Amino acid sequence: MNSKRATDILNSAANITVTHNGTAVWIENVEGDFAEIHYRESRKKLRVPVGELQENESAF
């Protein structure tokens, strides 16, 4: 994923499924080439390169 798409997803009202290393996450913020995320199934938060995020077709 790139920064523009990550920002589009962050600002979208739609529920767009994004994963990091195969696990569903929410994008909380995008700064340059990095995103602050948190895993949907836990409270774990990380700052990761947006290139590590994947947009998926299926909804959770």
C-alpha atoms as a PDB file:
ATOM      1  CA  MET A   1       0.000   0.000   0.000  1.00  0.00           C
ATOM      2  CA  ASN A   2       1.164   3.579  -0.475  1.00  0.00           C
ATOM      3  CA  SER A   3       0.686   6.646   1.729  1.00  0.00           C
ATOM      4  CA  LYS A   4      -2.072   8.153  -0.418  1.00  0.00           C
ATOM      5  CA  ARG A   5      -4.174   4.990  -0.293  1.00  0.00           C
ATOM      6  CA  ALA A   6      -3.601   4.618   3.456  1.00  0.00           C
ATOM      7  CA  THR A   7      -4.807   8.216   3.923  1.00  0.00           C
ATOM      8  CA  ASP A   8      -7.830   7.579   1.677  1.00  0.00           C
ATOM      9  CA  ILE A   9      -8.763   4.540   3.782  1.00  0.00           C
ATOM     10  CA  LEU A  10      -8.245   6.490   7.025  1.00  0.00           C
ATOM     11  CA  ASN A  11     -10.593   9.243   5.821  1.00  0.00           C
ATOM     12  CA  SER A  12     -13.195   6.900   4.322  1.00  0.00           C
ATOM     13  CA  ALA A  13     -16.551   6.249   5.964  1.00  0.00           C
ATOM     14  CA  ALA A  14     -16.454   2.732   4.491  1.00  0.00           C
ATOM     15  CA  ASN A  15     -15.238  -0.267   6.474  1.00  0.00           C
ATOM     16  CA  ILE A  16     -12.191  -1.210   4.393  1.00  0.00           C
ATOM     17  CA  THR A  17     -10.282  -4.261   5.565  1.00  0.00           C
ATOM     18  CA  VAL A  18      -6.557  -3.692   6.010  1.00  0.00           C
ATOM     19  CA  THR A  19      -4.061  -6.227   7.311  1.00  0.00           C
ATOM     20  CA  HIS A  20      -0.528  -6.136   8.667  1.00  0.00           C
ATOM     21  CA  ASN A  21       1.315  -9.448   8.470  1.00  0.00           C
ATOM     22  CA  GLY A  22      -2.029 -11.178   7.841  1.00  0.00           C
ATOM     23  CA  THR A  23      -3.810  -9.698  10.879  1.00  0.00           C
ATOM     24  CA  ALA A  24      -6.650  -7.161  10.597  1.00  0.00           C
ATOM     25  CA  VAL A  25      -5.782  -3.634  11.740  1.00  0.00           C
ATOM     26  CA  TRP A  26      -7.243  -0.142  11.956  1.00  0.00           C
ATOM     27  CA  ILE A  27      -5.222   2.750  10.548  1.00  0.00           C
ATOM     28  CA  GLU A  28      -5.199   5.536  13.133  1.00  0.00           C
ATOM     29  CA  ASN A  29      -2.803   8.008  11.516  1.00  0.00           C
ATOM     30  CA  VAL A  30      -0.582   8.396   8.465  1.00  0.00           C
ATOM     31  CA  GLU A  31       2.606  10.480   8.517  1.00  0.00           C
ATOM     32  CA  GLY A  32       4.680  10.333   5.362  1.00  0.00           C
ATOM     33  CA  ASP A  33       5.552   6.722   4.638  1.00  0.00           C
ATOM     34  CA  PHE A  34       4.501   5.461   8.086  1.00  0.00           C
ATOM     35  CA  ALA A  35       1.138   4.571   9.604  1.00  0.00           C
ATOM     36  CA  GLU A  36       0.067   4.227  13.208  1.00  0.00           C
ATOM     37  CA  ILE A  37      -2.099   1.120  13.439  1.00  0.00           C
ATOM     38  CA  HIS A  38      -3.786  -0.989  16.055  1.00  0.00           C
ATOM     39  CA  TYR A  39      -4.780  -4.593  15.746  1.00  0.00           C
ATOM     40  CA  ARG A  40      -8.553  -5.140  15.710  1.00  0.00           C
ATOM     41  CA  GLU A  41      -8.408  -8.158  18.033  1.00  0.00           C
ATOM     42  CA  SER A  42      -6.148  -6.569  20.640  1.00  0.00           C
ATOM     43  CA  ARG A  43      -5.015  -3.227  21.961  1.00  0.00           C
ATOM     44  CA  LYS A  44      -1.552  -3.627  20.453  1.00  0.00           C
ATOM     45  CA  LYS A  45      -0.442  -0.511  18.570  1.00  0.00           C
ATOM     46  CA  LEU A  46       2.488  -0.091  16.195  1.00  0.00           C
ATOM     47  CA  ARG A  47       4.040   2.433  13.845  1.00  0.00           C
ATOM     48  CA  VAL A  48       4.809   0.642  10.578  1.00  0.00           C
ATOM     49  CA  PRO A  49       5.822   1.501   7.007  1.00  0.00           C
ATOM     50  CA  VAL A  50       2.663   1.816   4.894  1.00  0.00           C
ATOM     51  CA  GLY A  51       4.247  -0.599   2.408  1.00  0.00           C
ATOM     52  CA  GLU A  52       3.707  -3.377   4.975  1.00  0.00           C
ATOM     53  CA  LEU A  53      -0.080  -2.847   4.924  1.00  0.00           C
ATOM     54  CA  GLN A  54      -2.379  -4.808   2.618  1.00  0.00           C
ATOM     55  CA  GLU A  55      -5.885  -3.867   1.536  1.00  0.00           C
ATOM     56  CA  ASN A  56      -8.160  -6.904   1.355  1.00  0.00           C
ATOM     57  CA  GLU A  57     -11.352  -7.584  -0.527  1.00  0.00           C
ATOM     58  CA  SER A  58     -13.195  -9.393   2.265  1.00  0.00           C
ATOM     59  CA  ALA A  59     -14.792  -7.628   5.222  1.00  0.00           C
ATOM     60  CA  PHE A  60     -14.395  -8.660   8.845  1.00  0.00           C
END
